[in-house]
C-alpha atoms as a PDB file:
ATOM      1  CA  MET A   1      55.753  20.385  36.798  1.00  0.00           C
ATOM      2  CA  GLU A   2      54.626  23.524  35.818  1.00  0.00           C
ATOM      3  CA  ALA A   3      51.300  23.348  37.378  1.00  0.00           C
ATOM      4  CA  ALA A   4      52.267  22.342  40.591  1.00  0.00           C
ATOM      5  CA  MET A   5      54.876  25.170  40.433  1.00  0.00           C
ATOM      6  CA  GLN A   6      51.736  27.610  40.330  1.00  0.00           C
ATOM      7  CA  HIS A   7      52.096  26.777  44.076  1.00  0.00           C
ATOM      8  CA  GLN A   8      55.634  27.725  45.081  1.00  0.00           C
ATOM      9  CA  ILE A   9      56.795  24.240  46.443  1.00  0.00           C
ATOM     10  CA  LYS A  10      58.466  24.889  49.779  1.00  0.00           C
ATOM     11  CA  VAL A  11      61.890  22.797  50.586  1.00  0.00           C
ATOM     12  CA  LEU A  12      63.810  22.041  53.501  1.00  0.00           C
ATOM     13  CA  LEU A  13      67.072  21.084  52.716  1.00  0.00           C
ATOM     14  CA  VAL A  14      68.735  19.180  55.847  1.00  0.00           C
ATOM     15  CA  ASP A  15      72.562  18.639  55.263  1.00  0.00           C
ATOM     16  CA  ASP A  16      75.877  19.315  57.415  1.00  0.00           C
ATOM     17  CA  GLU A  17      78.086  20.000  54.517  1.00  0.00           C
ATOM     18  CA  ASP A  18      77.444  23.694  53.848  1.00  0.00           C
ATOM     19  CA  ARG A  19      78.792  23.604  50.437  1.00  0.00           C
ATOM     20  CA  PHE A  20      76.394  21.286  49.227  1.00  0.00           C
ATOM     21  CA  CYS A  21      73.561  22.977  50.832  1.00  0.00           C
ATOM     22  CA  GLU A  22      74.599  26.124  49.240  1.00  0.00           C
ATOM     23  CA  THR A  23      74.957  24.856  45.886  1.00  0.00           C
ATOM     24  CA  THR A  24      71.980  22.898  45.817  1.00  0.00           C
ATOM     25  CA  SER A  25      69.739  25.350  47.336  1.00  0.00           C
ATOM     26  CA  LYS A  26      70.537  27.976  44.748  1.00  0.00           C
ATOM     27  CA  LEU A  27      70.041  25.299  41.926  1.00  0.00           C
ATOM     28  CA  LEU A  28      66.628  24.380  43.636  1.00  0.00           C
ATOM     29  CA  THR A  29      65.959  28.136  43.768  1.00  0.00           C
ATOM     30  CA  LYS A  30      66.522  28.813  40.318  1.00  0.00           C
ATOM     31  CA  LYS A  31      64.171  26.239  39.410  1.00  0.00           C
ATOM     32  CA  GLY A  32      61.221  27.680  41.451  1.00  0.00           C
ATOM     33  CA  PHE A  33      61.377  26.239  44.779  1.00  0.00           C
ATOM     34  CA  ASP A  34      61.182  28.041  48.112  1.00  0.00           C
ATOM     35  CA  THR A  35      64.000  26.575  49.614  1.00  0.00           C
ATOM     36  CA  VAL A  36      65.328  27.034  53.452  1.00  0.00           C
ATOM     37  CA  ILE A  37      68.469  25.274  54.778  1.00  0.00           C
ATOM     38  CA  ALA A  38      69.225  23.709  58.003  1.00  0.00           C
ATOM     39  CA  ASN A  39      72.764  22.509  58.752  1.00  0.00           C
ATOM     40  CA  ASN A  40      71.754  20.091  61.157  1.00  0.00           C
ATOM     41  CA  ALA A  41      68.645  17.877  62.366  1.00  0.00           C
ATOM     42  CA  GLU A  42      67.839  19.890  65.488  1.00  0.00           C
ATOM     43  CA  LYS A  43      67.678  23.137  63.610  1.00  0.00           C
ATOM     44  CA  ALA A  44      65.481  21.431  60.889  1.00  0.00           C
ATOM     45  CA  ILE A  45      63.019  20.338  63.656  1.00  0.00           C
ATOM     46  CA  HIS A  46      62.857  23.861  65.256  1.00  0.00           C
ATOM     47  CA  ILE A  47      62.249  25.309  61.866  1.00  0.00           C
ATOM     48  CA  LEU A  48      59.362  22.869  61.203  1.00  0.00           C
ATOM     49  CA  LYS A  49      57.432  23.881  64.525  1.00  0.00           C
ATOM     50  CA  ASP A  50      57.209  27.441  62.842  1.00  0.00           C
ATOM     51  CA  ASN A  51      57.437  27.215  59.325  1.00  0.00           C
ATOM     52  CA  LYS A  52      55.368  24.432  57.598  1.00  0.00           C
ATOM     53  CA  ARG A  53      57.422  22.806  54.641  1.00  0.00           C
ATOM     54  CA  ASP A  54      55.869  20.782  51.616  1.00  0.00           C
ATOM     55  CA  VAL A  55      59.034  18.444  51.062  1.00  0.00           C
ATOM     56  CA  ILE A  56      62.224  17.773  53.177  1.00  0.00           C
ATOM     57  CA  VAL A  57      65.540  16.787  51.728  1.00  0.00           C
ATOM     58  CA  LEU A  58      67.356  14.926  54.417  1.00  0.00           C
ATOM     59  CA  ASP A  59      71.049  13.590  54.477  1.00  0.00           C
ATOM     60  CA  ILE A  60      70.875  10.229  56.358  1.00  0.00           C
ATOM     61  CA  GLN A  61      74.706  10.735  57.914  1.00  0.00           C
ATOM     62  CA  MET A  62      75.172  13.883  59.898  1.00  0.00           C
ATOM     63  CA  THR A  63      76.814  14.729  62.694  1.00  0.00           C
ATOM     64  CA  GLY A  64      74.795  15.012  65.837  1.00  0.00           C
ATOM     65  CA  MET A  65      71.340  13.430  65.720  1.00  0.00           C
ATOM     66  CA  ASP A  66      71.554  11.205  62.376  1.00  0.00           C
ATOM     67  CA  GLY A  67      68.969  11.311  59.542  1.00  0.00           C
ATOM     68  CA  HIS A  68      67.192   8.092  60.923  1.00  0.00           C
ATOM     69  CA  THR A  69      66.503   9.969  64.453  1.00  0.00           C
ATOM     70  CA  ALA A  70      65.341  12.803  62.584  1.00  0.00           C
ATOM     71  CA  LEU A  71      63.183  11.171  60.164  1.00  0.00           C
ATOM     72  CA  HIS A  72      61.337   9.545  63.149  1.00  0.00           C
ATOM     73  CA  GLU A  73      61.037  12.902  64.810  1.00  0.00           C
ATOM     74  CA  ILE A  74      60.217  15.021  61.643  1.00  0.00           C
ATOM     75  CA  LYS A  75      57.136  12.472  61.264  1.00  0.00           C
ATOM     76  CA  LYS A  76      56.225  13.159  65.068  1.00  0.00           C
ATOM     77  CA  THR A  77      55.952  16.570  64.091  1.00  0.00           C
ATOM     78  CA  ASP A  78      54.179  16.248  60.790  1.00  0.00           C
ATOM     79  CA  PRO A  79      53.135  12.681  59.758  1.00  0.00           C
ATOM     80  CA  ASP A  80      51.968  13.387  56.207  1.00  0.00           C
ATOM     81  CA  ILE A  81      55.030  15.523  55.363  1.00  0.00           C
ATOM     82  CA  GLN A  82      57.272  13.673  52.555  1.00  0.00           C
ATOM     83  CA  VAL A  83      60.838  13.405  53.150  1.00  0.00           C
ATOM     84  CA  ILE A  84      63.373  12.368  50.503  1.00  0.00           C
ATOM     85  CA  ILE A  85      66.620  10.711  51.951  1.00  0.00           C
ATOM     86  CA  LEU A  86      70.099  11.326  50.724  1.00  0.00           C
ATOM     87  CA  THR A  87      72.579   8.939  51.066  1.00  0.00           C
ATOM     88  CA  GLY A  88      76.552   8.800  50.312  1.00  0.00           C
ATOM     89  CA  HIS A  89      78.286   5.666  49.215  1.00  0.00           C
ATOM     90  CA  GLY A  90      78.124   3.077  51.990  1.00  0.00           C
ATOM     91  CA  SER A  91      74.960   4.197  53.648  1.00  0.00           C
ATOM     92  CA  ARG A  92      72.435   3.171  50.862  1.00  0.00           C
ATOM     93  CA  TYR A  93      70.867  -0.050  52.267  1.00  0.00           C
ATOM     94  CA  SER A  94      70.654   2.182  55.554  1.00  0.00           C
ATOM     95  CA  ALA A  95      68.644   4.689  53.528  1.00  0.00           C
ATOM     96  CA  MET A  96      66.680   2.196  52.051  1.00  0.00           C
ATOM     97  CA  ARG A  97      65.582   0.855  55.272  1.00  0.00           C
ATOM     98  CA  ALA A  98      64.131   4.216  56.341  1.00  0.00           C
ATOM     99  CA  LEU A  99      62.430   4.416  52.854  1.00  0.00           C
ATOM    100  CA  VAL A 100      60.519   1.232  53.333  1.00  0.00           C
ATOM    101  CA  ARG A 101      58.987   2.539  56.885  1.00  0.00           C
ATOM    102  CA  GLU A 102      58.768   6.256  56.727  1.00  0.00           C
ATOM    103  CA  ALA A 103      60.474   8.171  53.758  1.00  0.00           C
ATOM    104  CA  PHE A 104      59.176   8.824  50.256  1.00  0.00           C
ATOM    105  CA  ASP A 105      62.379   8.275  48.303  1.00  0.00           C
ATOM    106  CA  TYR A 106      66.044   7.894  48.731  1.00  0.00           C
ATOM    107  CA  LEU A 107      68.559   9.455  46.326  1.00  0.00           C
ATOM    108  CA  ALA A 108      72.306   8.854  46.144  1.00  0.00           C
ATOM    109  CA  LYS A 109      74.787  11.769  46.481  1.00  0.00           C
ATOM    110  CA  PRO A 110      76.088  13.612  44.416  1.00  0.00           C
ATOM    111  CA  CYS A 111      72.470  14.063  43.185  1.00  0.00           C
ATOM    112  CA  ASP A 112      71.520  15.094  40.013  1.00  0.00           C
ATOM    113  CA  VAL A 113      69.612  18.523  40.273  1.00  0.00           C
ATOM    114  CA  ASP A 114      67.141  17.705  37.731  1.00  0.00           C
ATOM    115  CA  ILE A 115      66.440  14.133  39.260  1.00  0.00           C
ATOM    116  CA  LEU A 116      65.817  15.824  42.751  1.00  0.00           C
ATOM    117  CA  ALA A 117      63.685  18.459  41.453  1.00  0.00           C
ATOM    118  CA  SER A 118      61.674  16.015  39.840  1.00  0.00           C
ATOM    119  CA  ARG A 119      61.282  13.501  43.098  1.00  0.00           C
ATOM    120  CA  ILE A 120      60.301  16.831  45.256  1.00  0.00           C
ATOM    121  CA  HIS A 121      57.613  17.676  42.663  1.00  0.00           C
ATOM    122  CA  ASP A 122      56.154  13.962  42.771  1.00  0.00           C
ATOM    123  CA  ALA A 123      56.604  14.099  46.711  1.00  0.00           C
ATOM    124  CA  TYR A 124      54.493  17.031  46.670  1.00  0.00           C
ATOM    125  CA  LEU A 125      51.788  15.888  44.667  1.00  0.00           C
ATOM    126  CA  ALA A 126      51.629  12.819  47.064  1.00  0.00           C
ATOM    127  CA  LYS A 127      51.027  14.993  49.730  1.00  0.00           C
ATOM    128  CA  HIS A 128      48.822  17.592  48.496  1.00  0.00           C
ATOM    129  CA  ARG A 129      46.926  16.547  45.331  1.00  0.00           C
ATOM    130  CA  GLY A 130      46.096  12.780  46.421  1.00  0.00           C
ATOM    131  CA  TYR A 131      48.484  11.137  43.494  1.00  0.00           C
ATOM    132  CA  LYS A 132      49.356   7.966  44.476  1.00  0.00           C
ATOM    133  CA  PHE A 133      52.675   6.444  43.900  1.00  0.00           C
ATOM    134  CA  ASP A 134      53.462   2.486  43.918  1.00  0.00           C
ATOM    135  CA  ASP A 135      54.508   2.299  47.551  1.00  0.00           C
ATOM    136  CA  LYS A 136      54.651  -1.581  48.291  1.00  0.00           C
ATOM    137  CA  LYS A 137      57.864  -2.970  48.811  1.00  0.00           C
ATOM    138  CA  ALA A 138      59.332  -6.332  48.607  1.00  0.00           C
ATOM    139  CA  LEU A 139      59.204  -5.997  52.626  1.00  0.00           C
ATOM    140  CA  ASN A 140      55.204  -5.909  52.190  1.00  0.00           C
ATOM    141  CA  LEU A 141      54.856  -8.682  49.999  1.00  0.00           C
ATOM    142  CA  MET A 142      57.289 -11.265  51.801  1.00  0.00           C
ATOM    143  CA  ILE A 143      56.662 -14.230  54.146  1.00  0.00           C
ATOM    144  CA  PRO A 144      59.272 -13.629  57.198  1.00  0.00           C
ATOM    145  CA  LEU A 145      61.681 -16.224  57.552  1.00  0.00           C
ATOM    146  CA  HIS A 146      60.988 -16.813  60.894  1.00  0.00           C
ATOM    147  CA  ASP A 147      57.449 -17.878  59.565  1.00  0.00           C
ATOM    148  CA  LEU A 148      58.649 -20.608  57.278  1.00  0.00           C
ATOM    149  CA  LYS A 149      59.081 -24.189  58.630  1.00  0.00           C
ATOM    150  CA  SER A 150      62.895 -24.750  58.947  1.00  0.00           C
ATOM    151  CA  ILE A 151      64.561 -28.278  58.962  1.00  0.00           C
ATOM    152  CA  PRO A 152      68.297 -29.264  58.649  1.00  0.00           C
ATOM    153  CA  ALA A 153      69.854 -30.023  55.525  1.00  0.00           C
ATOM    154  CA  ASP A 154      70.578 -33.613  56.777  1.00  0.00           C
ATOM    155  CA  THR A 155      66.574 -34.510  56.716  1.00  0.00           C
ATOM    156  CA  SER A 156      65.507 -36.966  54.507  1.00  0.00           C
ATOM    157  CA  LEU A 157      63.123 -35.889  51.855  1.00  0.00           C
ATOM    158  CA  LYS A 158      60.398 -38.137  53.235  1.00  0.00           C
ATOM    159  CA  GLU A 159      60.701 -36.625  56.713  1.00  0.00           C
ATOM    160  CA  ALA A 160      60.666 -33.059  55.082  1.00  0.00           C
ATOM    161  CA  MET A 161      57.713 -33.820  52.783  1.00  0.00           C
ATOM    162  CA  ALA A 162      55.647 -34.855  55.976  1.00  0.00           C
ATOM    163  CA  MET A 163      55.940 -31.481  57.488  1.00  0.00           C
ATOM    164  CA  GLY A 164      53.724 -30.273  54.842  1.00  0.00           C
ATOM    165  CA  GLU A 165      53.491 -28.706  51.608  1.00  0.00           C
ATOM    166  CA  GLY A 166      55.169 -25.667  50.684  1.00  0.00           C
ATOM    167  CA  PHE A 167      58.386 -24.063  51.177  1.00  0.00           C
ATOM    168  CA  LEU A 168      60.825 -24.983  53.747  1.00  0.00           C
ATOM    169  CA  ALA A 169      64.095 -23.035  55.083  1.00  0.00           C
ATOM    170  CA  VAL A 170      67.026 -25.493  54.967  1.00  0.00           C
ATOM    171  CA  MET A 171      69.448 -24.784  57.502  1.00  0.00           C
ATOM    172  CA  ASP A 172      72.957 -26.093  57.506  1.00  0.00           C
ATOM    173  CA  GLU A 173      75.185 -27.558  60.699  1.00  0.00           C
ATOM    174  CA  ARG A 174      75.915 -23.704  61.705  1.00  0.00           C
ATOM    175  CA  LYS A 175      71.990 -22.929  61.487  1.00  0.00           C
ATOM    176  CA  MET A 176      72.429 -20.604  59.042  1.00  0.00           C
ATOM    177  CA  LEU A 177      70.336 -20.405  55.907  1.00  0.00           C
ATOM    178  CA  ALA A 178      71.439 -23.293  53.192  1.00  0.00           C
ATOM    179  CA  GLY A 179      68.670 -22.483  50.683  1.00  0.00           C
ATOM    180  CA  ILE A 180      64.947 -23.133  50.252  1.00  0.00           C
ATOM    181  CA  LEU A 181      63.337 -26.234  49.606  1.00  0.00           C
ATOM    182  CA  THR A 182      60.516 -26.011  46.766  1.00  0.00           C
ATOM    183  CA  ARG A 183      58.084 -28.384  45.139  1.00  0.00           C
ATOM    184  CA  MET A 184      60.335 -27.953  41.830  1.00  0.00           C
ATOM    185  CA  ASP A 185      63.299 -29.394  43.510  1.00  0.00           C
ATOM    186  CA  ILE A 186      61.364 -32.048  44.585  1.00  0.00           C
ATOM    187  CA  ILE A 187      59.849 -32.855  41.067  1.00  0.00           C
ATOM    188  CA  ARG A 188      63.129 -32.436  39.414  1.00  0.00           C
ATOM    189  CA  SER A 189      64.771 -35.060  41.942  1.00  0.00           C
ATOM    190  CA  VAL A 190      62.348 -37.795  40.791  1.00  0.00           C
ATOM    191  CA  ARG A 191      64.361 -37.802  37.555  1.00  0.00           C
ATOM    192  CA  PRO A 192      66.877 -40.540  36.694  1.00  0.00           C
ATOM    193  CA  GLU A 193      70.337 -39.750  37.552  1.00  0.00           C
ATOM    194  CA  TYR A 194      71.483 -39.672  33.714  1.00  0.00           C
ATOM    195  CA  ILE A 195      68.423 -37.454  32.880  1.00  0.00           C
ATOM    196  CA  SER A 196      69.097 -34.919  35.733  1.00  0.00           C
ATOM    197  CA  GLY A 197      72.862 -35.180  35.302  1.00  0.00           C
ATOM    198  CA  GLY A 198      72.982 -34.236  31.564  1.00  0.00           C
ATOM    199  CA  GLY A 199      73.584 -37.900  30.593  1.00  0.00           C
ATOM    200  CA  SER A 200      73.197 -39.603  27.119  1.00  0.00           C
ATOM    201  CA  PHE A 201      69.738 -40.085  27.442  1.00  0.00           C
ATOM    202  CA  ASN A 202      67.544 -39.355  24.274  1.00  0.00           C
ATOM    203  CA  GLU A 203      64.330 -37.982  25.452  1.00  0.00           C
ATOM    204  CA  GLN A 204      62.806 -37.760  21.907  1.00  0.00           C
ATOM    205  CA  SER A 205      63.576 -40.969  20.802  1.00  0.00           C
ATOM    206  CA  SER A 206      62.239 -42.642  24.162  1.00  0.00           C
ATOM    207  CA  ARG A 207      59.144 -40.151  24.330  1.00  0.00           C
ATOM    208  CA  PHE A 208      56.746 -42.827  23.237  1.00  0.00           C
ATOM    209  CA  SER A 209      58.709 -45.832  24.747  1.00  0.00           C
ATOM    210  CA  SER A 210      55.826 -47.174  27.226  1.00  0.00           C
ATOM    211  CA  MET A 211      58.425 -49.854  28.699  1.00  0.00           C
ATOM    212  CA  PHE A 212      60.802 -46.907  29.676  1.00  0.00           C
ATOM    213  CA  TRP A 213      58.121 -45.077  31.805  1.00  0.00           C
ATOM    214  CA  SER A 214      55.838 -47.862  32.777  1.00  0.00           C
ATOM    215  CA  GLY A 215      56.061 -48.409  36.626  1.00  0.00           C
ATOM    216  CA  PHE A 216      59.038 -46.141  37.027  1.00  0.00           C
ATOM    217  CA  PHE A 217      57.571 -43.373  38.509  1.00  0.00           C
ATOM    218  CA  SER A 218      57.021 -45.067  41.804  1.00  0.00           C
ATOM    219  CA  ASP A 219      60.256 -46.452  41.997  1.00  0.00           C
ATOM    220  CA  ARG A 220      62.171 -43.281  41.741  1.00  0.00           C
ATOM    221  CA  VAL A 221      60.024 -41.676  44.412  1.00  0.00           C
ATOM    222  CA  LYS A 222      60.736 -44.766  46.658  1.00  0.00           C
ATOM    223  CA  ALA A 223      64.428 -44.307  45.941  1.00  0.00           C
ATOM    224  CA  VAL A 224      64.462 -40.536  46.139  1.00  0.00           C
ATOM    225  CA  SER A 225      62.543 -40.611  49.683  1.00  0.00           C
ATOM    226  CA  ARG A 226      65.738 -41.468  51.532  1.00  0.00           C
ATOM    227  CA  LYS A 227      67.657 -38.941  50.026  1.00  0.00           C
ATOM    228  CA  LYS A 228      68.881 -36.154  52.086  1.00  0.00           C
ATOM    229  CA  VAL A 229      67.734 -32.718  51.367  1.00  0.00           C
ATOM    230  CA  TRP A 230      70.979 -31.345  50.879  1.00  0.00           C
ATOM    231  CA  GLU A 231      71.748 -33.653  47.982  1.00  0.00           C
ATOM    232  CA  ILE A 232      68.456 -32.522  45.831  1.00  0.00           C
ATOM    233  CA  LEU A 233      68.703 -28.511  46.817  1.00  0.00           C
ATOM    234  CA  SER A 234      69.288 -26.056  44.303  1.00  0.00           C
ATOM    235  CA  GLU A 235      71.217 -23.241  44.024  1.00  0.00           C
ATOM    236  CA  SER A 236      70.052 -20.654  46.390  1.00  0.00           C
ATOM    237  CA  PRO A 237      67.668 -18.316  44.834  1.00  0.00           C
ATOM    238  CA  PRO A 238      68.632 -14.850  43.732  1.00  0.00           C
ATOM    239  CA  PHE A 239      68.345 -12.218  46.482  1.00  0.00           C
ATOM    240  CA  ILE A 240      66.350  -9.050  45.964  1.00  0.00           C
ATOM    241  CA  SER A 241      66.246  -6.040  48.380  1.00  0.00           C
ATOM    242  CA  GLU A 242      63.617  -5.711  51.178  1.00  0.00           C
ATOM    243  CA  ASN A 243      63.038  -2.183  49.360  1.00  0.00           C
ATOM    244  CA  ALA A 244      62.461  -3.288  45.985  1.00  0.00           C
ATOM    245  CA  ASN A 245      59.467  -2.010  44.509  1.00  0.00           C
ATOM    246  CA  LEU A 246      57.052  -4.837  42.837  1.00  0.00           C
ATOM    247  CA  LEU A 247      57.826  -4.229  39.241  1.00  0.00           C
ATOM    248  CA  GLU A 248      61.755  -4.969  40.241  1.00  0.00           C
ATOM    249  CA  VAL A 249      59.921  -8.335  42.169  1.00  0.00           C
ATOM    250  CA  ALA A 250      57.650  -9.202  38.915  1.00  0.00           C
ATOM    251  CA  HIS A 251      60.866  -8.836  36.892  1.00  0.00           C
ATOM    252  CA  MET A 252      63.567 -10.765  39.042  1.00  0.00           C
ATOM    253  CA  MET A 253      60.603 -13.489  39.473  1.00  0.00           C
ATOM    254  CA  ALA A 254      60.249 -14.066  35.680  1.00  0.00           C
ATOM    255  CA  GLN A 255      63.789 -14.756  35.508  1.00  0.00           C
ATOM    256  CA  THR A 256      63.720 -17.004  38.289  1.00  0.00           C
ATOM    257  CA  PRO A 257      63.081 -20.808  37.346  1.00  0.00           C
ATOM    258  CA  GLY A 258      62.482 -21.744  41.043  1.00  0.00           C
ATOM    259  CA  GLY A 259      59.349 -19.568  41.590  1.00  0.00           C
ATOM    260  CA  VAL A 260      61.055 -18.146  44.921  1.00  0.00           C
ATOM    261  CA  LEU A 261      63.064 -14.870  45.790  1.00  0.00           C
ATOM    262  CA  LEU A 262      65.028 -14.336  48.995  1.00  0.00           C
ATOM    263  CA  VAL A 263      64.500 -11.142  50.487  1.00  0.00           C
ATOM    264  CA  LYS A 264      67.407  -8.987  52.275  1.00  0.00           C
ATOM    265  CA  ASP A 265      67.934  -6.352  54.467  1.00  0.00           C
ATOM    266  CA  ILE A 266      71.335  -4.897  54.891  1.00  0.00           C
ATOM    267  CA  SER A 267      73.154  -7.662  55.866  1.00  0.00           C
ATOM    268  CA  ARG A 268      71.055 -11.061  56.377  1.00  0.00           C
ATOM    269  CA  VAL A 269      67.930 -12.827  54.519  1.00  0.00           C
ATOM    270  CA  ILE A 270      64.704 -11.795  56.157  1.00  0.00           C
ATOM    271  CA  GLY A 271      61.923 -13.451  54.143  1.00  0.00           C
ATOM    272  CA  ILE A 272      60.937 -15.072  51.041  1.00  0.00           C
ATOM    273  CA  ILE A 273      58.613 -14.049  48.111  1.00  0.00           C
ATOM    274  CA  ARG A 274      56.749 -16.981  46.056  1.00  0.00           C
ATOM    275  CA  ASP A 275      55.456 -16.560  42.537  1.00  0.00           C
ATOM    276  CA  GLN A 276      51.910 -16.956  43.727  1.00  0.00           C
ATOM    277  CA  ASP A 277      52.619 -13.811  46.255  1.00  0.00           C
ATOM    278  CA  ILE A 278      53.364 -11.462  43.352  1.00  0.00           C
ATOM    279  CA  TYR A 279      50.571 -13.098  41.286  1.00  0.00           C
ATOM    280  CA  SER A 280      47.933 -12.512  44.196  1.00  0.00           C
ATOM    281  CA  GLU A 281      49.232  -9.002  43.933  1.00  0.00           C
ATOM    282  CA  ILE A 282      48.797  -8.530  40.217  1.00  0.00           C
ATOM    283  CA  ALA A 283      45.329 -10.264  40.535  1.00  0.00           C
ATOM    284  CA  SER A 284      44.066  -8.064  43.446  1.00  0.00           C
ATOM    285  CA  LEU A 285      45.030  -4.973  41.212  1.00  0.00           C
ATOM    286  CA  MET A 286      43.167  -6.295  38.284  1.00  0.00           C
ATOM    287  CA  LYS A 287      39.792  -6.711  40.404  1.00  0.00           C
ATOM    288  CA  LYS A 288      40.112  -2.897  41.452  1.00  0.00           C
END
């Protein structure tokens, strides 16, 4: 941080809580930042027209113009300025959506001043030194839910597979997402019930029994083809936020047997990420 602080980083702190602003401003000033306060978004935009700032720290919930509108207006004034969103309890997901679109980062209030100072520094480097931070999120990698083929849960497996390979969105009678039909669901369904249901079949002792396995596969395929999709559907895949960074995506994917994650915004599923999506991103980065 010391090298960057040879140039005093100019910070605009925008928050309608006077005590928070005054305390945070004093602490940032002690750490070497040139800090200016605006107690509402309109004042902040006015300041920016005559007084260029390096980084803006912006509360998402304010009286008058809220943080989302302010963020949009600030970016119109200076598209390259870096904005750090501050969010209180209950507005976290709202701030995360802002982050996906236009903000550099979001931090929860009350915010540790050392963390805030560190992220202000990072934001400054991103703007002025050409430093690049991971900026792709789950939202950038996902397949939107409306781009997936969808089927009713009572569709037969044969009909579902006739719709083509890949992942299918399974909808219940209310036309709500019931789950994602994956290739692994179909593969698992072919196993006899006394295997898949945790019965007494001893796999080790029958592994080399040609009589047990011979001709059985095609019979099982024929039998499960008549099943309804809901009968073989696995539990719903785990959720990940649209704002999750790709390391979070990779970590969760590694723990997900089905190879698919549901991407969620504030209140609903908006897409999926498949294991091949994160794999392709890894492969792409390795080529650079």
